[in-house]
Amino acid sequence: MRIAHISLDSPSLVVLGAGATRGAAFVKERVGAKPPLDSDFFTQAQRLSADGMHGHVERLVTDVAELFGNNFALTMEQYLTHLEQLRNVHDNYRMRGRPAENPYLGKRETFLRVLTALLDHSIGRQPDCLFHKKLVNSLDAQDAILSFNYDWLIDHTLSVHGKGKWNPTYGYGVKLVDSTGEGWKRWAYKDENGKAQHQQETLKLLKMHGSMTWFKAKKKAGGLGKPKLKLRQRWWKQRGNPEYEIVPPEWQKATDTGIYQDIWQKARTQVCGMTNMAFLGYSMPETDLPVRALFMVDVCSAKKLKNLVLVNPDGEARRRIRAVLNGRMAKKTRVLSFDTLEEFAGFLDA
């Protein structure tokens, strides 16, 4: 990462949370629903006006109200965690005479349908954000991004502005089935003639909880080896239940198996080796124990931080991040705090 104002020009780790998407330049002009945060997902969902989604939103609100009352006040993670436990109790301790079909599976699918539509409506399919553009322009192929977002904003920005620094074949840290297909071409950087580029050197974009632009490739009968992914060209096209590879914010997050084992292993290497970190819109929740452990596990052997950037209007969120990284902090560690992504993007220009 290059920040001329503080003479920073060395490999850096950027951590993206939902606040980074919510802070995008186009959100101020967005009419209706905005990219959701964990805390206001249901508020934004009820503003959704996408064609054909009204029934799904009504069904979601009905599901939540039936379980928690009409005046519910839930975060996205609280709702899905409750569904997870209700689903488990239904299956593990089924009572005689009760329906064999688990009703909570359908409620979860309704939630995912609304989540897909909400992100598609509030972000758009060709999102243009000046702040994300400035971020990508400041990065080099030696940098890494850890994203906890399912959306495609940073992916799209790299596909447009990632010249000489981005290739999804290697950048996602996961084996892809096809590195020449239409899905790959959608997320690769294209030159002025629109030709997708295959440069070997690339920064890492490790999507820690998956992405709506991915789905698992089906293995052949008797197939062995690690699972692979295919990239979606049109992620909003769904037939039947939503088909993409994400880890919803439930209590048991499947981050230690399949593709996530590789992604989190690569993330651990990046976390341990970087001396510059920037947390953009990520709040380090107390309940996200796997992430907290990721940043704490190698604290004794990891390199001390030279620069720590915190972009979040919530002072308590900034405090949590500093607390988790306390063992990595040195007397000379420079800590830069910004309230908004816009403010940080302006600092990149200084």
Protein backbone atom coordinates (compact mmCIF):
# COMPACT_ATOMS: atom_id res chain seq x y z
CA MET A 1 0.00 0.00 0.00
CA ARG A 2 1.18 3.49 -0.81
CA ILE A 3 0.21 6.45 1.37
CA ALA A 4 2.52 9.30 0.44
CA HIS A 5 1.39 11.53 3.30
CA ILE A 6 3.00 9.20 5.87
CA SER A 7 5.71 7.78 3.57
CA LEU A 8 4.12 4.33 3.61
CA ASP A 9 5.14 2.17 0.66
CA SER A 10 5.29 -1.46 1.77
CA PRO A 11 3.10 -4.59 1.79
CA SER A 12 -0.09 -4.10 3.76
CA LEU A 13 -3.18 -5.99 4.85
CA VAL A 14 -6.60 -4.38 4.27
CA VAL A 15 -9.58 -5.76 6.19
CA LEU A 16 -13.02 -4.97 4.78
CA GLY A 17 -16.29 -5.16 6.70
CA ALA A 18 -19.88 -4.27 5.87
CA GLY A 19 -19.17 -0.65 6.79
CA ALA A 20 -16.80 -0.37 3.81
CA THR A 21 -19.64 -1.14 1.41
CA ARG A 22 -22.09 1.04 3.32
CA GLY A 23 -19.55 3.88 3.09
CA ALA A 24 -19.26 3.66 -0.71
CA ALA A 25 -19.55 6.93 -2.64
CA PHE A 26 -22.76 5.94 -4.45
CA VAL A 27 -24.70 5.12 -1.25
CA LYS A 28 -25.46 8.77 -0.48
CA GLU A 29 -27.42 9.02 -3.71
CA ARG A 30 -29.10 5.64 -3.34
CA VAL A 31 -32.88 5.81 -3.08
CA GLY A 32 -34.55 3.18 -0.93
CA ALA A 33 -32.58 0.33 0.59
CA LYS A 34 -28.90 0.77 1.38
CA PRO A 35 -26.22 -1.94 1.70
CA PRO A 36 -27.10 -3.52 5.05
CA LEU A 37 -25.11 -3.63 8.23
CA ASP A 38 -25.61 -6.48 10.67
CA SER A 39 -27.53 -4.13 12.95
CA ASP A 40 -30.02 -2.76 10.39
CA PHE A 41 -30.56 -5.62 7.96
CA PHE A 42 -34.30 -5.86 8.63
CA THR A 43 -34.74 -2.10 8.31
CA GLN A 44 -33.07 -2.09 4.90
CA ALA A 45 -34.88 -5.27 3.79
CA GLN A 46 -38.26 -3.65 4.36
CA ARG A 47 -37.24 -0.80 2.06
CA LEU A 48 -36.62 -3.23 -0.76
CA SER A 49 -38.63 -2.51 -3.87
CA ALA A 50 -37.09 -5.00 -6.30
CA ASP A 51 -39.57 -6.65 -8.69
CA GLY A 52 -40.87 -9.95 -7.45
CA MET A 53 -39.35 -9.64 -3.97
CA HIS A 54 -42.28 -8.17 -2.06
CA GLY A 55 -43.67 -11.60 -1.22
CA HIS A 56 -40.29 -12.84 0.04
CA VAL A 57 -39.82 -9.77 2.24
CA GLU A 58 -43.32 -10.20 3.66
CA ARG A 59 -42.59 -13.85 4.35
CA LEU A 60 -39.30 -12.94 6.07
CA VAL A 61 -40.97 -10.36 8.32
CA THR A 62 -43.75 -12.83 9.13
CA ASP A 63 -41.18 -15.50 10.02
CA VAL A 64 -39.34 -13.14 12.35
CA ALA A 65 -42.53 -11.80 13.95
CA GLU A 66 -43.84 -15.31 14.60
CA LEU A 67 -40.68 -16.20 16.48
CA PHE A 68 -39.86 -12.90 18.22
CA GLY A 69 -43.02 -10.79 18.20
CA ASN A 70 -44.11 -7.82 16.12
CA ASN A 71 -41.74 -5.39 17.83
CA PHE A 72 -38.64 -7.49 17.20
CA ALA A 73 -35.21 -5.86 17.45
CA LEU A 74 -32.73 -8.31 15.97
CA THR A 75 -29.46 -8.18 14.13
CA MET A 76 -28.88 -10.42 11.13
CA GLU A 77 -26.50 -12.60 13.15
CA GLN A 78 -28.90 -12.93 16.08
CA TYR A 79 -31.70 -14.07 13.80
CA LEU A 80 -29.66 -16.66 11.92
CA THR A 81 -28.05 -17.94 15.11
CA HIS A 82 -31.50 -18.49 16.60
CA LEU A 83 -32.65 -20.25 13.42
CA GLU A 84 -29.57 -22.45 13.55
CA GLN A 85 -30.30 -23.60 17.10
CA LEU A 86 -34.03 -24.04 16.46
CA ARG A 87 -33.18 -26.14 13.40
CA ASN A 88 -30.77 -28.28 15.42
CA VAL A 89 -33.22 -28.83 18.27
CA HIS A 90 -35.96 -29.82 15.81
CA ASP A 91 -33.71 -32.44 14.19
CA ASN A 92 -31.84 -33.72 17.26
CA TYR A 93 -34.77 -33.91 19.69
CA ARG A 94 -37.72 -34.54 17.39
CA MET A 95 -40.95 -35.20 19.27
CA ARG A 96 -43.49 -37.83 18.29
CA GLY A 97 -46.31 -36.46 16.19
CA ARG A 98 -44.43 -33.32 15.16
CA PRO A 99 -43.88 -32.68 11.42
CA ALA A 100 -40.86 -34.48 10.03
CA GLU A 101 -39.97 -31.57 7.76
CA ASN A 102 -37.82 -28.98 9.47
CA PRO A 103 -39.67 -25.63 9.10
CA TYR A 104 -36.58 -23.60 9.91
CA LEU A 105 -34.82 -24.62 6.69
CA GLY A 106 -37.42 -22.75 4.67
CA LYS A 107 -37.07 -19.67 6.89
CA ARG A 108 -33.33 -19.70 6.29
CA GLU A 109 -33.83 -19.96 2.51
CA THR A 110 -36.25 -17.01 2.60
CA PHE A 111 -33.63 -14.98 4.43
CA LEU A 112 -30.97 -15.81 1.82
CA ARG A 113 -33.31 -14.84 -1.04
CA VAL A 114 -33.95 -11.46 0.54
CA LEU A 115 -30.24 -10.97 1.28
CA THR A 116 -29.40 -11.64 -2.38
CA ALA A 117 -32.00 -9.19 -3.65
CA LEU A 118 -31.10 -6.55 -1.08
CA LEU A 119 -27.42 -6.53 -2.02
CA ASP A 120 -28.24 -6.58 -5.73
CA HIS A 121 -30.64 -3.64 -5.36
CA SER A 122 -28.50 -1.52 -3.03
CA ILE A 123 -25.10 -2.04 -4.69
CA GLY A 124 -25.96 -2.56 -8.34
CA ARG A 125 -24.26 -4.75 -10.93
CA GLN A 126 -21.65 -2.24 -12.09
CA PRO A 127 -20.92 -0.36 -8.85
CA ASP A 128 -18.69 2.67 -9.32
CA CYS A 129 -17.18 3.95 -6.08
CA LEU A 130 -14.50 6.64 -6.11
CA PHE A 131 -13.34 5.67 -2.62
CA HIS A 132 -12.82 2.00 -3.54
CA LYS A 133 -11.08 3.10 -6.73
CA LYS A 134 -8.60 5.17 -4.70
CA LEU A 135 -8.07 2.22 -2.37
CA VAL A 136 -7.31 -0.17 -5.26
CA ASN A 137 -5.03 2.42 -6.89
CA SER A 138 -3.02 2.60 -3.66
CA LEU A 139 -2.46 -1.16 -3.57
CA ASP A 140 0.25 -3.34 -5.12
CA ALA A 141 0.42 -6.99 -6.06
CA GLN A 142 2.20 -7.70 -2.75
CA ASP A 143 -0.76 -6.49 -0.69
CA ALA A 144 -3.67 -8.56 0.59
CA ILE A 145 -7.33 -7.90 1.28
CA LEU A 146 -9.34 -9.87 3.83
CA SER A 147 -13.01 -9.28 3.07
CA PHE A 148 -15.84 -10.34 5.36
CA ASN A 149 -18.40 -9.16 2.81
CA TYR A 150 -20.42 -11.38 0.48
CA ASP A 151 -20.87 -8.62 -2.05
CA TRP A 152 -18.93 -7.87 -5.23
CA LEU A 153 -17.96 -4.22 -4.78
CA ILE A 154 -14.23 -4.78 -4.22
CA ASP A 155 -14.18 -7.56 -6.85
CA HIS A 156 -15.72 -5.25 -9.42
CA THR A 157 -13.34 -2.41 -8.53
CA LEU A 158 -10.36 -4.72 -9.04
CA SER A 159 -11.76 -5.89 -12.38
CA VAL A 160 -11.89 -2.26 -13.56
CA HIS A 161 -8.87 -0.68 -11.84
CA GLY A 162 -6.63 -3.63 -10.96
CA LYS A 163 -4.18 -3.29 -13.85
CA GLY A 164 -1.00 -5.27 -13.20
CA LYS A 165 -2.13 -6.32 -9.73
CA TRP A 166 -5.22 -8.57 -10.03
CA ASN A 167 -5.94 -12.02 -11.44
CA PRO A 168 -8.86 -14.03 -9.98
CA THR A 169 -7.18 -17.31 -10.97
CA TYR A 170 -4.70 -16.90 -8.12
CA GLY A 171 -6.03 -13.88 -6.25
CA TYR A 172 -8.93 -15.58 -4.50
CA GLY A 173 -6.64 -18.15 -2.93
CA VAL A 174 -8.94 -20.97 -4.08
CA LYS A 175 -8.66 -23.32 -7.03
CA LEU A 176 -11.05 -22.43 -9.83
CA VAL A 177 -12.55 -24.93 -12.25
CA ASP A 178 -12.25 -22.66 -15.27
CA SER A 179 -9.81 -19.77 -15.77
CA THR A 180 -11.01 -18.91 -19.26
CA GLY A 181 -14.78 -19.04 -18.95
CA GLU A 182 -17.30 -16.21 -18.86
CA GLY A 183 -17.39 -16.15 -15.07
CA TRP A 184 -13.62 -15.72 -14.88
CA LYS A 185 -13.68 -13.04 -17.58
CA ARG A 186 -16.29 -11.08 -15.62
CA TRP A 187 -13.98 -10.67 -12.61
CA ALA A 188 -10.60 -10.42 -14.36
CA TYR A 189 -9.03 -7.07 -15.21
CA LYS A 190 -9.67 -6.11 -18.85
CA ASP A 191 -7.36 -4.00 -20.99
CA GLU A 192 -8.51 -1.07 -23.15
CA ASN A 193 -9.68 -3.56 -25.80
CA GLY A 194 -11.77 -5.47 -23.29
CA LYS A 195 -9.45 -8.50 -23.22
CA ALA A 196 -9.14 -10.22 -19.85
CA GLN A 197 -5.57 -10.24 -18.52
CA HIS A 198 -3.80 -13.32 -17.13
CA GLN A 199 -0.91 -11.68 -15.23
CA GLN A 200 0.69 -14.11 -12.79
CA GLU A 201 1.44 -11.63 -10.01
CA THR A 202 -1.64 -10.62 -8.06
CA LEU A 203 -2.70 -9.29 -4.73
CA LYS A 204 -4.78 -11.65 -2.59
CA LEU A 205 -8.50 -11.07 -2.11
CA LEU A 206 -9.43 -13.59 0.56
CA LYS A 207 -13.19 -13.61 1.03
CA MET A 208 -13.33 -15.07 4.50
CA HIS A 209 -17.06 -15.78 4.57
CA GLY A 210 -17.49 -16.58 0.89
CA SER A 211 -19.03 -14.63 -1.94
CA MET A 212 -22.23 -14.37 -3.94
CA THR A 213 -20.07 -14.50 -7.06
CA TRP A 214 -18.97 -18.07 -6.31
CA PHE A 215 -20.55 -21.48 -6.27
CA LYS A 216 -19.16 -24.93 -5.63
CA ALA A 217 -18.30 -26.94 -8.71
CA LYS A 218 -19.87 -30.38 -8.65
CA LYS A 219 -17.39 -33.22 -8.31
CA LYS A 220 -17.45 -36.08 -10.73
CA ALA A 221 -18.63 -39.42 -9.36
CA GLY A 222 -15.90 -40.78 -7.11
CA GLY A 223 -13.93 -37.58 -7.46
CA LEU A 224 -11.23 -36.88 -4.90
CA GLY A 225 -9.32 -33.80 -3.90
CA LYS A 226 -10.29 -30.44 -2.53
CA PRO A 227 -13.48 -28.73 -3.66
CA LYS A 228 -13.17 -26.12 -6.38
CA LEU A 229 -15.17 -23.05 -7.23
CA LYS A 230 -16.71 -21.60 -10.34
CA LEU A 231 -17.16 -17.86 -10.72
CA ARG A 232 -20.62 -16.60 -11.57
CA GLN A 233 -21.00 -14.22 -14.48
CA ARG A 234 -24.54 -13.21 -13.47
CA TRP A 235 -24.84 -13.81 -9.75
CA TRP A 236 -28.39 -12.41 -9.57
CA LYS A 237 -29.72 -15.21 -11.78
CA GLN A 238 -31.08 -17.96 -9.53
CA ARG A 239 -33.27 -20.96 -10.23
CA GLY A 240 -34.80 -22.58 -7.20
CA ASN A 241 -32.97 -21.94 -3.94
CA PRO A 242 -30.10 -19.41 -3.90
CA GLU A 243 -26.93 -21.09 -5.16
CA TYR A 244 -23.71 -19.47 -4.05
CA GLU A 245 -20.98 -20.23 -1.57
CA ILE A 246 -21.18 -18.14 1.60
CA VAL A 247 -20.89 -18.66 5.34
CA PRO A 248 -23.97 -17.01 6.86
CA PRO A 249 -23.48 -15.30 10.24
CA GLU A 250 -24.49 -18.25 12.37
CA TRP A 251 -22.84 -19.52 15.55
CA GLN A 252 -21.19 -22.51 13.86
CA LYS A 253 -19.35 -20.88 10.96
CA ALA A 254 -17.92 -23.51 8.62
CA THR A 255 -14.52 -21.87 8.24
CA ASP A 256 -12.30 -24.88 8.89
CA THR A 257 -13.37 -27.22 6.08
CA GLY A 258 -13.42 -27.29 2.29
CA ILE A 259 -12.37 -24.12 0.49
CA TYR A 260 -12.35 -22.12 3.72
CA GLN A 261 -9.53 -24.15 5.19
CA ASP A 262 -7.29 -22.90 2.37
CA ILE A 263 -8.58 -19.34 2.57
CA TRP A 264 -8.13 -19.06 6.33
CA GLN A 265 -4.69 -20.67 6.16
CA LYS A 266 -3.60 -18.06 3.64
CA ALA A 267 -5.19 -15.37 5.79
CA ARG A 268 -3.19 -16.51 8.81
CA THR A 269 0.02 -16.17 6.82
CA GLN A 270 -0.92 -12.64 5.77
CA VAL A 271 -1.98 -11.59 9.28
CA CYS A 272 1.23 -12.88 10.81
CA GLY A 273 3.58 -11.39 8.23
CA MET A 274 2.22 -7.89 7.60
CA THR A 275 3.48 -4.85 9.51
CA ASN A 276 0.82 -2.50 8.12
CA MET A 277 -2.92 -3.07 8.56
CA ALA A 278 -6.02 -1.09 7.63
CA PHE A 279 -9.47 -2.00 8.99
CA LEU A 280 -12.14 -0.39 6.83
CA GLY A 281 -15.69 -0.68 8.15
CA TYR A 282 -14.98 -3.81 10.17
CA SER A 283 -15.86 -3.71 13.86
CA MET A 284 -14.32 -6.93 15.30
CA PRO A 285 -17.56 -8.15 16.99
CA GLU A 286 -17.20 -9.80 20.38
CA THR A 287 -19.15 -12.79 19.04
CA ASP A 288 -16.92 -13.40 16.02
CA LEU A 289 -14.48 -15.58 17.91
CA PRO A 290 -12.81 -17.21 14.86
CA VAL A 291 -11.77 -13.79 13.53
CA ARG A 292 -10.55 -12.57 16.91
CA ALA A 293 -8.51 -15.76 17.28
CA LEU A 294 -7.08 -15.32 13.77
CA PHE A 295 -5.58 -11.97 14.75
CA MET A 296 -4.41 -13.14 18.20
CA VAL A 297 -3.05 -16.66 17.66
CA ASP A 298 0.45 -15.72 16.44
CA VAL A 299 0.78 -12.60 18.50
CA CYS A 300 4.07 -13.63 20.13
CA SER A 301 5.88 -14.55 16.92
CA ALA A 302 4.26 -12.10 14.50
CA LYS A 303 5.96 -8.90 13.47
CA LYS A 304 5.13 -5.69 15.33
CA LEU A 305 2.89 -3.27 13.52
CA LYS A 306 4.33 -0.11 12.04
CA ASN A 307 1.02 1.40 10.91
CA LEU A 308 -2.57 0.68 11.92
CA VAL A 309 -5.43 2.42 10.11
CA LEU A 310 -8.94 2.31 11.59
CA VAL A 311 -11.87 3.56 9.53
CA ASN A 312 -15.03 3.42 11.62
CA PRO A 313 -17.19 6.11 13.23
CA ASP A 314 -17.74 3.86 16.27
CA GLY A 315 -15.06 4.51 18.88
CA GLU A 316 -15.93 1.29 20.69
CA ALA A 317 -15.32 -0.71 17.50
CA ARG A 318 -11.90 0.92 17.10
CA ARG A 319 -11.13 0.08 20.73
CA ARG A 320 -11.99 -3.61 20.16
CA ILE A 321 -9.61 -3.82 17.21
CA ARG A 322 -6.78 -2.21 19.17
CA ALA A 323 -7.44 -4.57 22.08
CA VAL A 324 -7.24 -7.67 19.86
CA LEU A 325 -4.02 -6.37 18.27
CA ASN A 326 -2.53 -5.18 21.55
CA GLY A 327 0.26 -7.77 21.47
CA ARG A 328 1.31 -6.57 18.01
CA MET A 329 1.48 -2.91 19.01
CA ALA A 330 4.82 -1.23 19.70
CA LYS A 331 5.71 2.15 21.14
CA LYS A 332 6.33 3.44 17.61
CA THR A 333 3.19 1.97 16.04
CA ARG A 334 1.36 4.76 14.25
CA VAL A 335 -2.44 4.60 14.68
CA LEU A 336 -4.55 6.61 12.23
CA SER A 337 -8.31 6.86 12.84
CA PHE A 338 -10.96 8.05 10.37
CA ASP A 339 -14.72 8.23 10.72
CA THR A 340 -15.60 7.54 7.09
CA LEU A 341 -14.24 5.84 3.99
CA GLU A 342 -14.52 9.17 2.23
CA GLU A 343 -12.21 10.78 4.79
CA PHE A 344 -9.68 7.95 4.42
CA ALA A 345 -9.85 8.13 0.60
CA GLY A 346 -9.04 11.84 0.85
CA PHE A 347 -6.04 11.01 3.04
CA LEU A 348 -4.76 8.67 0.34
CA ASP A 349 -4.65 11.69 -1.98
CA ALA A 350 -2.88 13.97 0.51
